[in-house]
Structures are given as C-alpha cells and as structure tokens.
C-alpha cells in the first residue's frame, strides 16, 4: 500500500491504517480544516496542532512525554456513521425531512442511527 493510500484510509477511520501511520511517524492532516499539521516540542513535551492555528481546539492541545503518543493521539480519528436512509432516525416511511428525493436503500448524507427501542 502506498503512503498516499495509507493516509486516505486512515482519514476514513481505518484503525489499522491510523496505527500504521503512527508507527511510520506520519502525521495526518488537521481533522478540522484538512490543513498541514505540525509537531510542537516544548520543554521535552510533544504535541501536534494545525499549522494554521485557527481551528477549534488549536489552543488546547494535549502534551506527551513521548513523540509516539502525541502522534497516536492526533492520528486517531472516529469513523463517520454510514447508513442507508431507511435505517436513519430521520426516515419517515418513504420520506426524509433532511434530504429530498431519497429511497430507503440510498446512503444517507445526514445519517443518524435510530435509537434502540
């Protein structure tokens, strides 16, 4: 797998790809803006933040005594919820109030799992 493919898979939430990026010391782009991320080292502590510095939480960044832990924390991204319109809590028996012209087996761009009964 190429580095570009590995990064793409990691950004999509693939836990193994995220771990492999961390092991290779590949720092993924900012999860908020997609911009370049930078390593910051101060007094022997490591953190990673968006190079732009204007993203949410850029002023609050965890610091780690070991670089690998800073990279692992930065690279760990949740997977976006994916589901079909008929499985979404916004589906109303043939209609979705968030999207127009959908079918129950379409993938929902506003997917929210139904609450368990």
PDB file of N, CA and C in Angstrom:
ATOM      1  N   UNK A   1       0.853  -1.174   0.000  1.00  0.00           N
ATOM      2  CA  UNK A   1       0.000   0.000   0.000  1.00  0.00           C
ATOM      3  C   UNK A   1       0.902   1.241   0.000  1.00  0.00           C
ATOM      4  N   UNK A   2       0.584   2.193  -0.879  1.00  0.00           N
ATOM      5  CA  UNK A   2       1.374   3.412  -0.948  1.00  0.00           C
ATOM      6  C   UNK A   2       1.080   4.295   0.270  1.00  0.00           C
ATOM      7  N   UNK A   3       1.958   5.239   0.536  1.00  0.00           N
ATOM      8  CA  UNK A   3       1.749   6.141   1.659  1.00  0.00           C
ATOM      9  C   UNK A   3       0.485   6.969   1.452  1.00  0.00           C
ATOM     10  N   UNK A   4       0.230   7.386   0.236  1.00  0.00           N
ATOM     11  CA  UNK A   4      -0.967   8.175  -0.073  1.00  0.00           C
ATOM     12  C   UNK A   4      -2.236   7.371   0.223  1.00  0.00           C
ATOM     13  N   UNK A   5      -2.263   6.098  -0.178  1.00  0.00           N
ATOM     14  CA  UNK A   5      -3.410   5.230   0.087  1.00  0.00           C
ATOM     15  C   UNK A   5      -3.564   4.980   1.588  1.00  0.00           C
ATOM     16  N   UNK A   6      -2.454   4.794   2.274  1.00  0.00           N
ATOM     17  CA  UNK A   6      -2.473   4.581   3.720  1.00  0.00           C
ATOM     18  C   UNK A   6      -3.090   5.793   4.420  1.00  0.00           C
ATOM     19  N   UNK A   7      -2.670   6.974   4.043  1.00  0.00           N
ATOM     20  CA  UNK A   7      -3.205   8.201   4.642  1.00  0.00           C
ATOM     21  C   UNK A   7      -4.693   8.335   4.337  1.00  0.00           C
ATOM     22  N   UNK A   8      -5.093   8.065   3.097  1.00  0.00           N
ATOM     23  CA  UNK A   8      -6.509   8.142   2.727  1.00  0.00           C
ATOM     24  C   UNK A   8      -7.350   7.211   3.584  1.00  0.00           C
ATOM     25  N   UNK A   9      -6.872   5.989   3.764  1.00  0.00           N
ATOM     26  CA  UNK A   9      -7.613   5.012   4.581  1.00  0.00           C
ATOM     27  C   UNK A   9      -7.676   5.454   6.042  1.00  0.00           C
ATOM     28  N   UNK A  10      -6.574   6.010   6.552  1.00  0.00           N
ATOM     29  CA  UNK A  10      -6.544   6.488   7.938  1.00  0.00           C
ATOM     30  C   UNK A  10      -7.540   7.630   8.136  1.00  0.00           C
ATOM     31  N   UNK A  11      -7.626   8.529   7.171  1.00  0.00           N
ATOM     32  CA  UNK A  11      -8.559   9.654   7.264  1.00  0.00           C
ATOM     33  C   UNK A  11     -10.011   9.203   7.211  1.00  0.00           C
ATOM     34  N   UNK A  12     -10.250   8.043   6.615  1.00  0.00           N
ATOM     35  CA  UNK A  12     -11.612   7.495   6.536  1.00  0.00           C
ATOM     36  C   UNK A  12     -11.983   6.719   7.805  1.00  0.00           C
ATOM     37  N   UNK A  13     -11.074   6.650   8.766  1.00  0.00           N
ATOM     38  CA  UNK A  13     -11.381   5.998  10.034  1.00  0.00           C
ATOM     39  C   UNK A  13     -10.864   4.587  10.165  1.00  0.00           C
ATOM     40  N   UNK A  14     -10.064   4.097   9.215  1.00  0.00           N
ATOM     41  CA  UNK A  14      -9.498   2.748   9.279  1.00  0.00           C
ATOM     42  C   UNK A  14      -8.466   2.698  10.409  1.00  0.00           C
ATOM     43  N   UNK A  15      -8.815   1.997  11.488  1.00  0.00           N
ATOM     44  CA  UNK A  15      -7.954   1.948  12.687  1.00  0.00           C
ATOM     45  C   UNK A  15      -6.577   1.356  12.395  1.00  0.00           C
ATOM     46  N   UNK A  16      -6.502   0.312  11.556  1.00  0.00           N
ATOM     47  CA  UNK A  16      -5.210  -0.288  11.222  1.00  0.00           C
ATOM     48  C   UNK A  16      -4.345   0.693  10.446  1.00  0.00           C
ATOM     49  N   UNK A  17      -4.939   1.448   9.540  1.00  0.00           N
ATOM     50  CA  UNK A  17      -4.193   2.445   8.772  1.00  0.00           C
ATOM     51  C   UNK A  17      -3.720   3.577   9.687  1.00  0.00           C
ATOM     52  N   UNK A  18      -4.545   3.978  10.641  1.00  0.00           N
ATOM     53  CA  UNK A  18      -4.135   5.007  11.598  1.00  0.00           C
ATOM     54  C   UNK A  18      -2.946   4.533  12.420  1.00  0.00           C
ATOM     55  N   UNK A  19      -2.999   3.277  12.849  1.00  0.00           N
ATOM     56  CA  UNK A  19      -1.900   2.704  13.626  1.00  0.00           C
ATOM     57  C   UNK A  19      -0.626   2.621  12.792  1.00  0.00           C
ATOM     58  N   UNK A  20      -0.752   2.224  11.528  1.00  0.00           N
ATOM     59  CA  UNK A  20       0.407   2.131  10.651  1.00  0.00           C
ATOM     60  C   UNK A  20       1.018   3.516  10.404  1.00  0.00           C
ATOM     61  N   UNK A  21       0.181   4.535  10.219  1.00  0.00           N
ATOM     62  CA  UNK A  21       0.681   5.904  10.069  1.00  0.00           C
ATOM     63  C   UNK A  21       1.462   6.318  11.319  1.00  0.00           C
ATOM     64  N   UNK A  22       0.912   5.998  12.477  1.00  0.00           N
ATOM     65  CA  UNK A  22       1.588   6.323  13.733  1.00  0.00           C
ATOM     66  C   UNK A  22       2.927   5.614  13.823  1.00  0.00           C
ATOM     67  N   UNK A  23       2.963   4.321  13.494  1.00  0.00           N
ATOM     68  CA  UNK A  23       4.211   3.560  13.551  1.00  0.00           C
ATOM     69  C   UNK A  23       5.266   4.099  12.587  1.00  0.00           C
ATOM     70  N   UNK A  24       4.812   4.669  11.468  1.00  0.00           N
ATOM     71  CA  UNK A  24       5.732   5.247  10.479  1.00  0.00           C
ATOM     72  C   UNK A  24       6.027   6.723  10.767  1.00  0.00           C
ATOM     73  N   UNK A  25       5.464   7.262  11.843  1.00  0.00           N
ATOM     74  CA  UNK A  25       5.608   8.671  12.227  1.00  0.00           C
ATOM     75  C   UNK A  25       5.039   9.606  11.166  1.00  0.00           C
ATOM     76  N   UNK A  26       3.960   9.177  10.508  1.00  0.00           N
ATOM     77  CA  UNK A  26       3.242  10.016   9.548  1.00  0.00           C
ATOM     78  C   UNK A  26       2.188  10.787  10.338  1.00  0.00           C
ATOM     79  N   UNK A  27       2.238  12.093  10.261  1.00  0.00           N
ATOM     80  CA  UNK A  27       1.262  12.925  10.959  1.00  0.00           C
ATOM     81  C   UNK A  27       0.156  13.293   9.977  1.00  0.00           C
ATOM     82  N   UNK A  28      -1.062  12.883  10.283  1.00  0.00           N
ATOM     83  CA  UNK A  28      -2.205  13.136   9.401  1.00  0.00           C
ATOM     84  C   UNK A  28      -2.557  14.624   9.377  1.00  0.00           C
ATOM     85  N   UNK A  29      -3.254  15.072   8.323  1.00  0.00           N
ATOM     86  CA  UNK A  29      -3.697  16.466   8.257  1.00  0.00           C
ATOM     87  C   UNK A  29      -4.662  16.806   9.398  1.00  0.00           C
ATOM     88  N   UNK A  30      -4.892  18.088   9.582  1.00  0.00           N
ATOM     89  CA  UNK A  30      -5.804  18.574  10.621  1.00  0.00           C
ATOM     90  C   UNK A  30      -7.195  17.976  10.410  1.00  0.00           C
ATOM     91  N   UNK A  31      -7.813  17.435  11.474  1.00  0.00           N
ATOM     92  CA  UNK A  31      -9.150  16.846  11.334  1.00  0.00           C
ATOM     93  C   UNK A  31     -10.251  17.891  11.129  1.00  0.00           C
ATOM     94  N   UNK A  32      -9.948  19.168  11.342  1.00  0.00           N
ATOM     95  CA  UNK A  32     -10.958  20.209  11.224  1.00  0.00           C
ATOM     96  C   UNK A  32     -10.933  20.900   9.865  1.00  0.00           C
ATOM     97  N   UNK A  33      -9.727  21.258   9.384  1.00  0.00           N
ATOM     98  CA  UNK A  33      -9.642  22.003   8.122  1.00  0.00           C
ATOM     99  C   UNK A  33      -8.942  21.228   7.012  1.00  0.00           C
ATOM    100  N   UNK A  34      -8.296  20.105   7.347  1.00  0.00           N
ATOM    101  CA  UNK A  34      -7.568  19.328   6.350  1.00  0.00           C
ATOM    102  C   UNK A  34      -6.201  19.882   6.034  1.00  0.00           C
ATOM    103  N   UNK A  35      -5.822  20.937   6.733  1.00  0.00           N
ATOM    104  CA  UNK A  35      -4.527  21.574   6.510  1.00  0.00           C
ATOM    105  C   UNK A  35      -3.376  20.790   7.136  1.00  0.00           C
ATOM    106  N   UNK A  36      -2.186  21.275   6.897  1.00  0.00           N
ATOM    107  CA  UNK A  36      -0.976  20.633   7.410  1.00  0.00           C
ATOM    108  C   UNK A  36      -0.913  20.722   8.936  1.00  0.00           C
ATOM    109  N   UNK A  37      -0.454  19.656   9.541  1.00  0.00           N
ATOM    110  CA  UNK A  37      -0.274  19.620  10.989  1.00  0.00           C
ATOM    111  C   UNK A  37       1.219  19.747  11.292  1.00  0.00           C
ATOM    112  N   UNK A  38       1.523  20.315  12.436  1.00  0.00           N
ATOM    113  CA  UNK A  38       2.923  20.498  12.814  1.00  0.00           C
ATOM    114  C   UNK A  38       3.179  19.914  14.203  1.00  0.00           C
ATOM    115  N   UNK A  39       4.400  19.467  14.381  1.00  0.00           N
ATOM    116  CA  UNK A  39       4.849  18.949  15.666  1.00  0.00           C
ATOM    117  C   UNK A  39       5.397  20.116  16.481  1.00  0.00           C
ATOM    118  N   UNK A  40       4.997  20.184  17.728  1.00  0.00           N
ATOM    119  CA  UNK A  40       5.485  21.219  18.634  1.00  0.00           C
ATOM    120  C   UNK A  40       6.191  20.524  19.786  1.00  0.00           C
ATOM    121  N   UNK A  41       7.425  20.952  20.064  1.00  0.00           N
ATOM    122  CA  UNK A  41       8.168  20.406  21.196  1.00  0.00           C
ATOM    123  C   UNK A  41       8.555  21.556  22.114  1.00  0.00           C
ATOM    124  N   UNK A  42       8.131  21.455  23.352  1.00  0.00           N
ATOM    125  CA  UNK A  42       8.436  22.478  24.350  1.00  0.00           C
ATOM    126  C   UNK A  42       8.808  21.781  25.648  1.00  0.00           C
ATOM    127  N   UNK A  43       9.997  22.062  26.121  1.00  0.00           N
ATOM    128  CA  UNK A  43      10.486  21.530  27.399  1.00  0.00           C
ATOM    129  C   UNK A  43      10.374  20.009  27.474  1.00  0.00           C
ATOM    130  N   UNK A  44      10.677  19.321  26.369  1.00  0.00           N
ATOM    131  CA  UNK A  44      10.653  17.865  26.352  1.00  0.00           C
ATOM    132  C   UNK A  44       9.271  17.248  26.218  1.00  0.00           C
ATOM    133  N   UNK A  45       8.260  18.081  25.985  1.00  0.00           N
ATOM    134  CA  UNK A  45       6.897  17.592  25.779  1.00  0.00           C
ATOM    135  C   UNK A  45       6.499  17.814  24.326  1.00  0.00           C
ATOM    136  N   UNK A  46       5.754  16.840  23.772  1.00  0.00           N
ATOM    137  CA  UNK A  46       5.363  16.884  22.371  1.00  0.00           C
ATOM    138  C   UNK A  46       3.866  17.055  22.232  1.00  0.00           C
ATOM    139  N   UNK A  47       3.485  17.824  21.229  1.00  0.00           N
ATOM    140  CA  UNK A  47       2.078  17.945  20.859  1.00  0.00           C
ATOM    141  C   UNK A  47       2.020  18.219  19.360  1.00  0.00           C
ATOM    142  N   UNK A  48       0.854  18.039  18.801  1.00  0.00           N
ATOM    143  CA  UNK A  48       0.647  18.272  17.378  1.00  0.00           C
ATOM    144  C   UNK A  48      -0.570  19.167  17.237  1.00  0.00           C
ATOM    145  N   UNK A  49      -0.479  20.116  16.325  1.00  0.00           N
ATOM    146  CA  UNK A  49      -1.601  21.020  16.103  1.00  0.00           C
ATOM    147  C   UNK A  49      -1.636  21.441  14.638  1.00  0.00           C
ATOM    148  N   UNK A  50      -2.710  22.076  14.259  1.00  0.00           N
ATOM    149  CA  UNK A  50      -2.872  22.586  12.903  1.00  0.00           C
ATOM    150  C   UNK A  50      -1.867  23.711  12.695  1.00  0.00           C
ATOM    151  N   UNK A  51      -1.186  23.681  11.563  1.00  0.00           N
ATOM    152  CA  UNK A  51      -0.199  24.718  11.252  1.00  0.00           C
ATOM    153  C   UNK A  51      -0.852  26.085  11.200  1.00  0.00           C
ATOM    154  N   UNK A  52      -2.090  26.134  10.699  1.00  0.00           N
ATOM    155  CA  UNK A  52      -2.833  27.388  10.602  1.00  0.00           C
ATOM    156  C   UNK A  52      -3.109  27.963  11.990  1.00  0.00           C
ATOM    157  N   UNK A  53      -3.404  27.091  12.951  1.00  0.00           N
ATOM    158  CA  UNK A  53      -3.606  27.518  14.333  1.00  0.00           C
ATOM    159  C   UNK A  53      -4.938  28.170  14.624  1.00  0.00           C
ATOM    160  N   UNK A  54      -5.842  28.223  13.659  1.00  0.00           N
ATOM    161  CA  UNK A  54      -7.128  28.883  13.897  1.00  0.00           C
ATOM    162  C   UNK A  54      -8.274  27.901  14.082  1.00  0.00           C
ATOM    163  N   UNK A  55      -7.977  26.618  14.015  1.00  0.00           N
ATOM    164  CA  UNK A  55      -9.038  25.605  14.137  1.00  0.00           C
ATOM    165  C   UNK A  55      -9.485  25.463  15.581  1.00  0.00           C
ATOM    166  N   UNK A  56     -10.693  24.912  15.729  1.00  0.00           N
ATOM    167  CA  UNK A  56     -11.261  24.655  17.048  1.00  0.00           C
ATOM    168  C   UNK A  56     -10.274  23.836  17.875  1.00  0.00           C
ATOM    169  N   UNK A  57     -10.014  24.246  19.080  1.00  0.00           N
ATOM    170  CA  UNK A  57      -9.156  23.487  19.979  1.00  0.00           C
ATOM    171  C   UNK A  57      -7.671  23.630  19.715  1.00  0.00           C
ATOM    172  N   UNK A  58      -7.264  24.516  18.786  1.00  0.00           N
ATOM    173  CA  UNK A  58      -5.839  24.626  18.477  1.00  0.00           C
ATOM    174  C   UNK A  58      -5.051  25.211  19.649  1.00  0.00           C
ATOM    175  N   UNK A  59      -5.735  25.926  20.533  1.00  0.00           N
ATOM    176  CA  UNK A  59      -5.048  26.472  21.699  1.00  0.00           C
ATOM    177  C   UNK A  59      -5.039  25.484  22.873  1.00  0.00           C
ATOM    178  N   UNK A  60      -5.792  24.387  22.756  1.00  0.00           N
ATOM    179  CA  UNK A  60      -5.826  23.362  23.795  1.00  0.00           C
ATOM    180  C   UNK A  60      -5.338  22.068  23.159  1.00  0.00           C
ATOM    181  N   UNK A  61      -4.091  21.734  23.397  1.00  0.00           N
ATOM    182  CA  UNK A  61      -3.554  20.516  22.802  1.00  0.00           C
ATOM    183  C   UNK A  61      -2.855  19.702  23.877  1.00  0.00           C
ATOM    184  N   UNK A  62      -3.146  18.420  23.941  1.00  0.00           N
ATOM    185  CA  UNK A  62      -2.501  17.571  24.936  1.00  0.00           C
ATOM    186  C   UNK A  62      -1.000  17.490  24.674  1.00  0.00           C
ATOM    187  N   UNK A  63      -0.249  17.388  25.741  1.00  0.00           N
ATOM    188  CA  UNK A  63       1.202  17.262  25.631  1.00  0.00           C
ATOM    189  C   UNK A  63       1.624  15.898  26.153  1.00  0.00           C
ATOM    190  N   UNK A  64       2.608  15.307  25.478  1.00  0.00           N
ATOM    191  CA  UNK A  64       3.069  13.961  25.811  1.00  0.00           C
ATOM    192  C   UNK A  64       4.585  13.962  25.979  1.00  0.00           C
ATOM    193  N   UNK A  65       5.052  13.104  26.863  1.00  0.00           N
ATOM    194  CA  UNK A  65       6.485  12.960  27.099  1.00  0.00           C
ATOM    195  C   UNK A  65       7.187  12.169  26.011  1.00  0.00           C
ATOM    196  N   UNK A  66       6.413  11.433  25.207  1.00  0.00           N
ATOM    197  CA  UNK A  66       6.993  10.665  24.108  1.00  0.00           C
ATOM    198  C   UNK A  66       6.280  11.027  22.814  1.00  0.00           C
ATOM    199  N   UNK A  67       7.064  11.214  21.759  1.00  0.00           N
ATOM    200  CA  UNK A  67       6.535  11.618  20.464  1.00  0.00           C
ATOM    201  C   UNK A  67       5.485  10.650  19.931  1.00  0.00           C
ATOM    202  N   UNK A  68       5.710   9.362  20.078  1.00  0.00           N
ATOM    203  CA  UNK A  68       4.793   8.356  19.527  1.00  0.00           C
ATOM    204  C   UNK A  68       3.378   8.506  20.096  1.00  0.00           C
ATOM    205  N   UNK A  69       3.252   8.906  21.361  1.00  0.00           N
ATOM    206  CA  UNK A  69       1.940   9.083  21.968  1.00  0.00           C
ATOM    207  C   UNK A  69       1.240  10.335  21.430  1.00  0.00           C
ATOM    208  N   UNK A  70       2.003  11.365  21.149  1.00  0.00           N
ATOM    209  CA  UNK A  70       1.426  12.578  20.559  1.00  0.00           C
ATOM    210  C   UNK A  70       0.892  12.274  19.164  1.00  0.00           C
ATOM    211  N   UNK A  71       1.672  11.529  18.367  1.00  0.00           N
ATOM    212  CA  UNK A  71       1.243  11.174  17.019  1.00  0.00           C
ATOM    213  C   UNK A  71       0.027  10.253  17.074  1.00  0.00           C
ATOM    214  N   UNK A  72       0.049   9.267  17.966  1.00  0.00           N
ATOM    215  CA  UNK A  72      -1.078   8.331  18.085  1.00  0.00           C
ATOM    216  C   UNK A  72      -2.363   9.062  18.449  1.00  0.00           C
ATOM    217  N   UNK A  73      -2.294  10.005  19.371  1.00  0.00           N
ATOM    218  CA  UNK A  73      -3.473  10.760  19.776  1.00  0.00           C
ATOM    219  C   UNK A  73      -4.000  11.593  18.606  1.00  0.00           C
ATOM    220  N   UNK A  74      -3.111  12.249  17.883  1.00  0.00           N
ATOM    221  CA  UNK A  74      -3.505  13.084  16.748  1.00  0.00           C
ATOM    222  C   UNK A  74      -4.105  12.246  15.621  1.00  0.00           C
ATOM    223  N   UNK A  75      -3.484  11.106  15.341  1.00  0.00           N
ATOM    224  CA  UNK A  75      -3.891  10.285  14.203  1.00  0.00           C
ATOM    225  C   UNK A  75      -5.155   9.478  14.424  1.00  0.00           C
ATOM    226  N   UNK A  76      -5.611   9.340  15.650  1.00  0.00           N
ATOM    227  CA  UNK A  76      -6.797   8.539  15.936  1.00  0.00           C
ATOM    228  C   UNK A  76      -8.037   9.366  15.628  1.00  0.00           C
ATOM    229  N   UNK A  77      -8.783   8.895  14.630  1.00  0.00           N
ATOM    230  CA  UNK A  77      -9.983   9.603  14.178  1.00  0.00           C
ATOM    231  C   UNK A  77     -11.164   8.651  14.217  1.00  0.00           C
ATOM    232  N   UNK A  78     -12.326   9.138  14.612  1.00  0.00           N
ATOM    233  CA  UNK A  78     -13.506   8.261  14.574  1.00  0.00           C
ATOM    234  C   UNK A  78     -13.988   8.068  13.145  1.00  0.00           C
ATOM    235  N   UNK A  79     -14.660   6.979  12.914  1.00  0.00           N
ATOM    236  CA  UNK A  79     -15.285   6.715  11.631  1.00  0.00           C
ATOM    237  C   UNK A  79     -16.612   7.446  11.583  1.00  0.00           C
ATOM    238  N   UNK A  80     -16.891   8.070  10.464  1.00  0.00           N
ATOM    239  CA  UNK A  80     -18.181   8.732  10.307  1.00  0.00           C
ATOM    240  C   UNK A  80     -19.288   7.688  10.228  1.00  0.00           C
ATOM    241  N   UNK A  81     -20.445   7.962  10.790  1.00  0.00           N
ATOM    242  CA  UNK A  81     -21.529   6.996  10.692  1.00  0.00           C
ATOM    243  C   UNK A  81     -22.017   6.892   9.245  1.00  0.00           C
ATOM    244  N   UNK A  82     -22.167   5.670   8.771  1.00  0.00           N
ATOM    245  CA  UNK A  82     -22.656   5.435   7.420  1.00  0.00           C
ATOM    246  C   UNK A  82     -23.867   4.522   7.519  1.00  0.00           C
ATOM    247  N   UNK A  83     -24.893   4.884   6.835  1.00  0.00           N
ATOM    248  CA  UNK A  83     -26.083   4.048   6.848  1.00  0.00           C
ATOM    249  C   UNK A  83     -27.012   4.410   5.709  1.00  0.00           C
ATOM    250  N   UNK A  84     -28.021   3.630   5.554  1.00  0.00           N
ATOM    251  CA  UNK A  84     -28.999   3.855   4.493  1.00  0.00           C
ATOM    252  C   UNK A  84     -30.175   4.662   5.044  1.00  0.00           C
ATOM    253  N   UNK A  85     -30.811   5.403   4.158  1.00  0.00           N
ATOM    254  CA  UNK A  85     -31.910   6.283   4.562  1.00  0.00           C
ATOM    255  C   UNK A  85     -32.967   5.555   5.400  1.00  0.00           C
ATOM    256  N   UNK A  86     -33.327   4.339   5.004  1.00  0.00           N
ATOM    257  CA  UNK A  86     -34.345   3.589   5.727  1.00  0.00           C
ATOM    258  C   UNK A  86     -33.938   3.196   7.135  1.00  0.00           C
ATOM    259  N   UNK A  87     -32.623   3.247   7.432  1.00  0.00           N
ATOM    260  CA  UNK A  87     -32.109   2.905   8.760  1.00  0.00           C
ATOM    261  C   UNK A  87     -31.853   4.151   9.613  1.00  0.00           C
ATOM    262  N   UNK A  88     -32.107   5.315   9.045  1.00  0.00           N
ATOM    263  CA  UNK A  88     -31.807   6.584   9.716  1.00  0.00           C
ATOM    264  C   UNK A  88     -32.992   7.028  10.565  1.00  0.00           C
ATOM    265  N   UNK A  89     -32.713   7.653  11.689  1.00  0.00           N
ATOM    266  CA  UNK A  89     -33.801   8.116  12.555  1.00  0.00           C
ATOM    267  C   UNK A  89     -34.610   9.238  11.913  1.00  0.00           C
ATOM    268  N   UNK A  90     -34.068   9.854  10.848  1.00  0.00           N
ATOM    269  CA  UNK A  90     -34.772  10.927  10.153  1.00  0.00           C
ATOM    270  C   UNK A  90     -35.715  10.409   9.065  1.00  0.00           C
ATOM    271  N   UNK A  91     -35.701   9.095   8.822  1.00  0.00           N
ATOM    272  CA  UNK A  91     -36.545   8.494   7.785  1.00  0.00           C
ATOM    273  C   UNK A  91     -37.962   8.371   8.311  1.00  0.00           C
ATOM    274  N   UNK A  92     -38.906   8.776   7.500  1.00  0.00           N
ATOM    275  CA  UNK A  92     -40.300   8.772   7.921  1.00  0.00           C
ATOM    276  C   UNK A  92     -41.127   8.002   6.901  1.00  0.00           C
ATOM    277  N   UNK A  93     -40.875   6.683   6.797  1.00  0.00           N
ATOM    278  CA  UNK A  93     -41.668   5.822   5.928  1.00  0.00           C
ATOM    279  C   UNK A  93     -41.817   6.295   4.497  1.00  0.00           C
ATOM    280  N   UNK A  94     -40.739   6.548   3.812  1.00  0.00           N
ATOM    281  CA  UNK A  94     -40.803   6.986   2.416  1.00  0.00           C
ATOM    282  C   UNK A  94     -40.379   8.424   2.230  1.00  0.00           C
ATOM    283  N   UNK A  95     -39.936   9.029   3.306  1.00  0.00           N
ATOM    284  CA  UNK A  95     -39.568  10.435   3.240  1.00  0.00           C
ATOM    285  C   UNK A  95     -38.461  10.713   4.257  1.00  0.00           C
ATOM    286  N   UNK A  96     -37.617  11.658   3.936  1.00  0.00           N
ATOM    287  CA  UNK A  96     -36.586  12.116   4.878  1.00  0.00           C
ATOM    288  C   UNK A  96     -36.687  13.629   4.942  1.00  0.00           C
ATOM    289  N   UNK A  97     -36.859  14.161   6.116  1.00  0.00           N
ATOM    290  CA  UNK A  97     -37.041  15.604   6.215  1.00  0.00           C
ATOM    291  C   UNK A  97     -35.731  16.373   6.013  1.00  0.00           C
ATOM    292  N   UNK A  98     -34.586  15.666   5.965  1.00  0.00           N
ATOM    293  CA  UNK A  98     -33.312  16.347   5.757  1.00  0.00           C
ATOM    294  C   UNK A  98     -32.843  16.320   4.300  1.00  0.00           C
ATOM    295  N   UNK A  99     -33.379  15.421   3.504  1.00  0.00           N
ATOM    296  CA  UNK A  99     -32.953  15.281   2.118  1.00  0.00           C
ATOM    297  C   UNK A  99     -34.179  15.164   1.231  1.00  0.00           C
ATOM    298  N   UNK A 100     -34.012  15.555  -0.020  1.00  0.00           N
ATOM    299  CA  UNK A 100     -35.109  15.422  -0.980  1.00  0.00           C
ATOM    300  C   UNK A 100     -34.845  14.230  -1.891  1.00  0.00           C
ATOM    301  N   UNK A 101     -35.894  13.623  -2.383  1.00  0.00           N
ATOM    302  CA  UNK A 101     -35.822  12.555  -3.374  1.00  0.00           C
ATOM    303  C   UNK A 101     -34.912  11.402  -2.949  1.00  0.00           C
ATOM    304  N   UNK A 102     -35.207  10.802  -1.839  1.00  0.00           N
ATOM    305  CA  UNK A 102     -34.418   9.661  -1.370  1.00  0.00           C
ATOM    306  C   UNK A 102     -35.251   8.397  -1.373  1.00  0.00           C
ATOM    307  N   UNK A 103     -34.560   7.281  -1.456  1.00  0.00           N
ATOM    308  CA  UNK A 103     -35.174   5.967  -1.347  1.00  0.00           C
ATOM    309  C   UNK A 103     -34.624   5.314  -0.091  1.00  0.00           C
ATOM    310  N   UNK A 104     -35.326   4.332   0.438  1.00  0.00           N
ATOM    311  CA  UNK A 104     -34.900   3.728   1.700  1.00  0.00           C
ATOM    312  C   UNK A 104     -33.536   3.061   1.609  1.00  0.00           C
ATOM    313  N   UNK A 105     -33.113   2.620   0.404  1.00  0.00           N
ATOM    314  CA  UNK A 105     -31.820   1.953   0.303  1.00  0.00           C
ATOM    315  C   UNK A 105     -30.702   2.899  -0.142  1.00  0.00           C
ATOM    316  N   UNK A 106     -30.979   4.218  -0.300  1.00  0.00           N
ATOM    317  CA  UNK A 106     -29.931   5.203  -0.592  1.00  0.00           C
ATOM    318  C   UNK A 106     -29.056   5.389   0.637  1.00  0.00           C
ATOM    319  N   UNK A 107     -27.788   5.731   0.413  1.00  0.00           N
ATOM    320  CA  UNK A 107     -26.940   6.082   1.546  1.00  0.00           C
ATOM    321  C   UNK A 107     -27.293   7.495   1.980  1.00  0.00           C
ATOM    322  N   UNK A 108     -27.437   7.677   3.272  1.00  0.00           N
ATOM    323  CA  UNK A 108     -27.903   8.935   3.845  1.00  0.00           C
ATOM    324  C   UNK A 108     -26.718   9.843   4.170  1.00  0.00           C
ATOM    325  N   UNK A 109     -26.714  11.067   3.640  1.00  0.00           N
ATOM    326  CA  UNK A 109     -25.644  12.004   3.930  1.00  0.00           C
ATOM    327  C   UNK A 109     -25.830  12.676   5.287  1.00  0.00           C
ATOM    328  N   UNK A 110     -26.977  12.481   5.908  1.00  0.00           N
ATOM    329  CA  UNK A 110     -27.268  13.039   7.231  1.00  0.00           C
ATOM    330  C   UNK A 110     -27.551  11.913   8.228  1.00  0.00           C
ATOM    331  N   UNK A 111     -26.913  10.774   8.025  1.00  0.00           N
ATOM    332  CA  UNK A 111     -27.253   9.574   8.781  1.00  0.00           C
ATOM    333  C   UNK A 111     -27.094   9.745  10.281  1.00  0.00           C
ATOM    334  N   UNK A 112     -28.132   9.339  10.996  1.00  0.00           N
ATOM    335  CA  UNK A 112     -28.119   9.239  12.440  1.00  0.00           C
ATOM    336  C   UNK A 112     -28.819   7.927  12.776  1.00  0.00           C
ATOM    337  N   UNK A 113     -28.141   7.020  13.487  1.00  0.00           N
ATOM    338  CA  UNK A 113     -28.765   5.731  13.799  1.00  0.00           C
ATOM    339  C   UNK A 113     -30.056   5.905  14.593  1.00  0.00           C
ATOM    340  N   UNK A 114     -31.022   5.021  14.330  1.00  0.00           N
ATOM    341  CA  UNK A 114     -32.250   5.025  15.114  1.00  0.00           C
ATOM    342  C   UNK A 114     -31.924   4.592  16.535  1.00  0.00           C
ATOM    343  N   UNK A 115     -32.626   5.181  17.478  1.00  0.00           N
ATOM    344  CA  UNK A 115     -32.430   4.785  18.864  1.00  0.00           C
ATOM    345  C   UNK A 115     -33.069   3.417  19.077  1.00  0.00           C
ATOM    346  N   UNK A 116     -32.387   2.589  19.843  1.00  0.00           N
ATOM    347  CA  UNK A 116     -32.924   1.251  20.108  1.00  0.00           C
ATOM    348  C   UNK A 116     -34.153   1.353  20.976  1.00  0.00           C
ATOM    349  N   UNK A 117     -35.115   0.527  20.633  1.00  0.00           N
ATOM    350  CA  UNK A 117     -36.400   0.561  21.370  1.00  0.00           C
ATOM    351  C   UNK A 117     -36.350  -0.311  22.577  1.00  0.00           C
TER     352      UNK A 117
END
